[in-house]
């Protein structure tokens, strides 16, 4: 996929996620479909947090030479960031706003920018294109999870 196709996939997945999230009634937001599954609210909080994390990765890749990627453990976020006390509407608004900023930054990136790299502690050099592909795919998997919740 070329950068514009990656960006389109990333953006369309966000729009689909937001649409699916808005379709969930408030009384079902904190219901788990199974004991080991996250509720829709937890998924929305996770996506807001992940979009912020990816935004930092995108920005660092664009402005620094081979910056280190700091991995995040998504299993620790619900406890450490107290998902049970957070408002899913605020997280959804934050997700959308963070995405709009990330999308604008990426949309303005030059051809050379898309070849910039970061360094992942396990994967080594990672191109901006790979980061955007990973982010878009991550959102795509959570769309289905959200619809199933």
C-alpha atoms as a PDB file:
ATOM      1  CA  UNK A   1       0.000   0.000   0.000  1.00  0.00           C
ATOM      2  CA  UNK A   2       1.220   3.480  -0.738  1.00  0.00           C
ATOM      3  CA  UNK A   3       1.118   6.169   1.979  1.00  0.00           C
ATOM      4  CA  UNK A   4      -2.137   7.676   0.737  1.00  0.00           C
ATOM      5  CA  UNK A   5      -3.879   4.290   0.781  1.00  0.00           C
ATOM      6  CA  UNK A   6      -2.560   3.658   4.308  1.00  0.00           C
ATOM      7  CA  UNK A   7      -3.818   7.047   5.390  1.00  0.00           C
ATOM      8  CA  UNK A   8      -7.217   6.416   3.811  1.00  0.00           C
ATOM      9  CA  UNK A   9      -7.517   3.043   5.578  1.00  0.00           C
ATOM     10  CA  UNK A  10      -6.473   4.585   8.893  1.00  0.00           C
ATOM     11  CA  UNK A  11      -9.005   7.404   8.506  1.00  0.00           C
ATOM     12  CA  UNK A  12     -11.881   5.211   7.330  1.00  0.00           C
ATOM     13  CA  UNK A  13     -11.302   2.761  10.203  1.00  0.00           C
ATOM     14  CA  UNK A  14     -11.514   5.632  12.675  1.00  0.00           C
ATOM     15  CA  UNK A  15     -14.755   6.835  11.124  1.00  0.00           C
ATOM     16  CA  UNK A  16     -16.210   3.310  11.281  1.00  0.00           C
ATOM     17  CA  UNK A  17     -15.120   2.947  14.909  1.00  0.00           C
ATOM     18  CA  UNK A  18     -16.727   6.264  15.885  1.00  0.00           C
ATOM     19  CA  UNK A  19     -19.956   5.305  14.104  1.00  0.00           C
ATOM     20  CA  UNK A  20     -20.043   1.928  15.884  1.00  0.00           C
ATOM     21  CA  UNK A  21     -19.306   3.542  19.260  1.00  0.00           C
ATOM     22  CA  UNK A  22     -22.065   6.115  18.839  1.00  0.00           C
ATOM     23  CA  UNK A  23     -24.538   3.324  18.035  1.00  0.00           C
ATOM     24  CA  UNK A  24     -24.109   1.779  21.491  1.00  0.00           C
ATOM     25  CA  UNK A  25     -26.722   2.875  23.991  1.00  0.00           C
ATOM     26  CA  UNK A  26     -25.445   4.347  27.267  1.00  0.00           C
ATOM     27  CA  UNK A  27     -27.056   1.549  29.307  1.00  0.00           C
ATOM     28  CA  UNK A  28     -25.023  -1.074  27.367  1.00  0.00           C
ATOM     29  CA  UNK A  29     -21.734   0.825  27.464  1.00  0.00           C
ATOM     30  CA  UNK A  30     -20.358  -0.933  30.550  1.00  0.00           C
ATOM     31  CA  UNK A  31     -21.752  -4.402  29.811  1.00  0.00           C
ATOM     32  CA  UNK A  32     -19.254  -7.179  29.099  1.00  0.00           C
ATOM     33  CA  UNK A  33     -20.264  -9.729  26.450  1.00  0.00           C
ATOM     34  CA  UNK A  34     -18.176 -12.345  28.305  1.00  0.00           C
ATOM     35  CA  UNK A  35     -16.305 -12.312  31.644  1.00  0.00           C
ATOM     36  CA  UNK A  36     -12.904 -12.069  29.961  1.00  0.00           C
ATOM     37  CA  UNK A  37     -13.954  -9.403  27.425  1.00  0.00           C
ATOM     38  CA  UNK A  38     -13.701  -5.633  27.712  1.00  0.00           C
ATOM     39  CA  UNK A  39     -16.908  -3.612  27.751  1.00  0.00           C
ATOM     40  CA  UNK A  40     -17.574  -1.102  24.969  1.00  0.00           C
ATOM     41  CA  UNK A  41     -16.532   1.666  27.372  1.00  0.00           C
ATOM     42  CA  UNK A  42     -13.167  -0.016  28.033  1.00  0.00           C
ATOM     43  CA  UNK A  43     -12.607  -0.466  24.280  1.00  0.00           C
ATOM     44  CA  UNK A  44     -13.335   3.228  23.699  1.00  0.00           C
ATOM     45  CA  UNK A  45     -10.965   4.266  26.511  1.00  0.00           C
ATOM     46  CA  UNK A  46      -8.314   1.956  25.073  1.00  0.00           C
ATOM     47  CA  UNK A  47      -8.671   3.476  21.609  1.00  0.00           C
ATOM     48  CA  UNK A  48      -8.377   7.022  22.950  1.00  0.00           C
ATOM     49  CA  UNK A  49      -5.213   6.060  24.841  1.00  0.00           C
ATOM     50  CA  UNK A  50      -3.770   4.167  21.869  1.00  0.00           C
ATOM     51  CA  UNK A  51      -4.428   7.050  19.469  1.00  0.00           C
ATOM     52  CA  UNK A  52      -2.472   9.337  21.787  1.00  0.00           C
ATOM     53  CA  UNK A  53       0.386   6.823  21.938  1.00  0.00           C
ATOM     54  CA  UNK A  54       0.461   6.455  18.156  1.00  0.00           C
ATOM     55  CA  UNK A  55       0.338  10.240  17.759  1.00  0.00           C
ATOM     56  CA  UNK A  56       3.497  10.556  19.844  1.00  0.00           C
ATOM     57  CA  UNK A  57       5.139   7.881  17.691  1.00  0.00           C
ATOM     58  CA  UNK A  58       4.119   9.639  14.479  1.00  0.00           C
ATOM     59  CA  UNK A  59       5.348  13.022  15.716  1.00  0.00           C
ATOM     60  CA  UNK A  60       8.635  11.672  17.037  1.00  0.00           C
ATOM     61  CA  UNK A  61       9.284   9.835  13.776  1.00  0.00           C
ATOM     62  CA  UNK A  62       8.655  13.013  11.786  1.00  0.00           C
ATOM     63  CA  UNK A  63      10.828  15.324  13.874  1.00  0.00           C
ATOM     64  CA  UNK A  64      13.650  13.208  15.306  1.00  0.00           C
ATOM     65  CA  UNK A  65      16.261  10.968  13.730  1.00  0.00           C
ATOM     66  CA  UNK A  66      15.472   7.337  14.567  1.00  0.00           C
ATOM     67  CA  UNK A  67      13.685   7.992  17.872  1.00  0.00           C
ATOM     68  CA  UNK A  68      13.089   5.107  20.240  1.00  0.00           C
ATOM     69  CA  UNK A  69       9.552   3.724  20.280  1.00  0.00           C
ATOM     70  CA  UNK A  70       8.327   3.184  23.817  1.00  0.00           C
ATOM     71  CA  UNK A  71       5.982   0.185  23.804  1.00  0.00           C
ATOM     72  CA  UNK A  72       2.881   0.312  25.974  1.00  0.00           C
ATOM     73  CA  UNK A  73       1.233  -2.578  27.780  1.00  0.00           C
ATOM     74  CA  UNK A  74      -2.474  -2.298  26.981  1.00  0.00           C
ATOM     75  CA  UNK A  75      -3.319  -4.696  29.814  1.00  0.00           C
ATOM     76  CA  UNK A  76      -1.977  -2.243  32.416  1.00  0.00           C
ATOM     77  CA  UNK A  77      -3.856   0.796  31.092  1.00  0.00           C
ATOM     78  CA  UNK A  78      -7.354  -0.136  32.401  1.00  0.00           C
ATOM     79  CA  UNK A  79      -6.023  -0.401  35.945  1.00  0.00           C
ATOM     80  CA  UNK A  80      -3.456   2.387  35.918  1.00  0.00           C
ATOM     81  CA  UNK A  81      -5.740   4.817  34.099  1.00  0.00           C
ATOM     82  CA  UNK A  82      -8.849   3.721  36.007  1.00  0.00           C
ATOM     83  CA  UNK A  83     -11.064   2.899  33.048  1.00  0.00           C
ATOM     84  CA  UNK A  84     -13.958   2.058  35.362  1.00  0.00           C
ATOM     85  CA  UNK A  85     -14.093   5.711  36.487  1.00  0.00           C
ATOM     86  CA  UNK A  86     -13.736   7.297  33.048  1.00  0.00           C
ATOM     87  CA  UNK A  87     -16.505   8.684  30.880  1.00  0.00           C
ATOM     88  CA  UNK A  88     -16.672   6.879  27.513  1.00  0.00           C
ATOM     89  CA  UNK A  89     -18.064   9.984  25.784  1.00  0.00           C
ATOM     90  CA  UNK A  90     -15.018  12.009  26.832  1.00  0.00           C
ATOM     91  CA  UNK A  91     -12.733   9.219  25.608  1.00  0.00           C
ATOM     92  CA  UNK A  92     -14.598   9.020  22.289  1.00  0.00           C
ATOM     93  CA  UNK A  93     -14.295  12.789  21.855  1.00  0.00           C
ATOM     94  CA  UNK A  94     -10.583  12.603  22.717  1.00  0.00           C
ATOM     95  CA  UNK A  95     -10.098   9.710  20.275  1.00  0.00           C
ATOM     96  CA  UNK A  96     -11.724  11.673  17.478  1.00  0.00           C
ATOM     97  CA  UNK A  97      -9.769  14.851  18.259  1.00  0.00           C
ATOM     98  CA  UNK A  98      -6.434  13.029  18.534  1.00  0.00           C
ATOM     99  CA  UNK A  99      -7.135  11.243  15.269  1.00  0.00           C
ATOM    100  CA  UNK A 100      -8.021  14.490  13.493  1.00  0.00           C
ATOM    101  CA  UNK A 101      -4.705  15.988  14.607  1.00  0.00           C
ATOM    102  CA  UNK A 102      -2.741  12.856  13.657  1.00  0.00           C
ATOM    103  CA  UNK A 103      -4.512  12.657  10.314  1.00  0.00           C
ATOM    104  CA  UNK A 104      -3.736  16.288   9.510  1.00  0.00           C
ATOM    105  CA  UNK A 105      -0.064  15.867  10.423  1.00  0.00           C
ATOM    106  CA  UNK A 106       0.236  12.679   8.355  1.00  0.00           C
ATOM    107  CA  UNK A 107      -1.698  14.165   5.447  1.00  0.00           C
ATOM    108  CA  UNK A 108       0.843  16.994   5.315  1.00  0.00           C
ATOM    109  CA  UNK A 109       3.830  14.618   5.361  1.00  0.00           C
ATOM    110  CA  UNK A 110       6.099  14.672   2.315  1.00  0.00           C
ATOM    111  CA  UNK A 111       7.140  11.610   0.330  1.00  0.00           C
ATOM    112  CA  UNK A 112      10.479  11.716   2.170  1.00  0.00           C
ATOM    113  CA  UNK A 113       8.713  11.906   5.538  1.00  0.00           C
ATOM    114  CA  UNK A 114       6.965   8.585   4.891  1.00  0.00           C
ATOM    115  CA  UNK A 115      10.388   6.929   4.688  1.00  0.00           C
ATOM    116  CA  UNK A 116      11.490   8.216   8.097  1.00  0.00           C
ATOM    117  CA  UNK A 117      12.146   5.601  10.747  1.00  0.00           C
ATOM    118  CA  UNK A 118      11.916   4.957  14.455  1.00  0.00           C
ATOM    119  CA  UNK A 119      13.535   2.194  16.450  1.00  0.00           C
ATOM    120  CA  UNK A 120      11.404  -0.416  18.190  1.00  0.00           C
ATOM    121  CA  UNK A 121      13.162  -2.353  20.972  1.00  0.00           C
ATOM    122  CA  UNK A 122      12.072  -5.722  19.497  1.00  0.00           C
ATOM    123  CA  UNK A 123      11.508  -4.994  15.797  1.00  0.00           C
ATOM    124  CA  UNK A 124      14.405  -2.631  15.073  1.00  0.00           C
ATOM    125  CA  UNK A 125      13.891   0.067  12.427  1.00  0.00           C
ATOM    126  CA  UNK A 126      10.236   0.827  11.720  1.00  0.00           C
ATOM    127  CA  UNK A 127       9.140   3.151   8.913  1.00  0.00           C
ATOM    128  CA  UNK A 128       6.374   5.689   9.341  1.00  0.00           C
ATOM    129  CA  UNK A 129       4.365   3.709   6.795  1.00  0.00           C
ATOM    130  CA  UNK A 130       4.551   0.659   9.079  1.00  0.00           C
ATOM    131  CA  UNK A 131       3.400   2.692  12.079  1.00  0.00           C
ATOM    132  CA  UNK A 132       0.371   4.014  10.203  1.00  0.00           C
ATOM    133  CA  UNK A 133      -0.452   0.536   8.884  1.00  0.00           C
ATOM    134  CA  UNK A 134      -0.207  -0.884  12.409  1.00  0.00           C
ATOM    135  CA  UNK A 135      -2.411   1.884  13.829  1.00  0.00           C
ATOM    136  CA  UNK A 136      -5.063   1.485  11.127  1.00  0.00           C
ATOM    137  CA  UNK A 137      -5.103  -2.280  11.580  1.00  0.00           C
ATOM    138  CA  UNK A 138      -5.311  -1.936  15.344  1.00  0.00           C
ATOM    139  CA  UNK A 139      -8.383   0.235  14.987  1.00  0.00           C
ATOM    140  CA  UNK A 140      -9.888  -2.251  12.528  1.00  0.00           C
ATOM    141  CA  UNK A 141      -9.641  -5.141  14.985  1.00  0.00           C
ATOM    142  CA  UNK A 142     -11.288  -3.094  17.700  1.00  0.00           C
ATOM    143  CA  UNK A 143     -14.205  -2.129  15.437  1.00  0.00           C
ATOM    144  CA  UNK A 144     -15.233  -5.763  15.347  1.00  0.00           C
ATOM    145  CA  UNK A 145     -14.650  -6.140  19.092  1.00  0.00           C
ATOM    146  CA  UNK A 146     -16.802  -3.062  19.712  1.00  0.00           C
ATOM    147  CA  UNK A 147     -19.616  -4.390  17.514  1.00  0.00           C
ATOM    148  CA  UNK A 148     -19.518  -7.686  19.414  1.00  0.00           C
ATOM    149  CA  UNK A 149     -19.703  -6.025  22.833  1.00  0.00           C
END
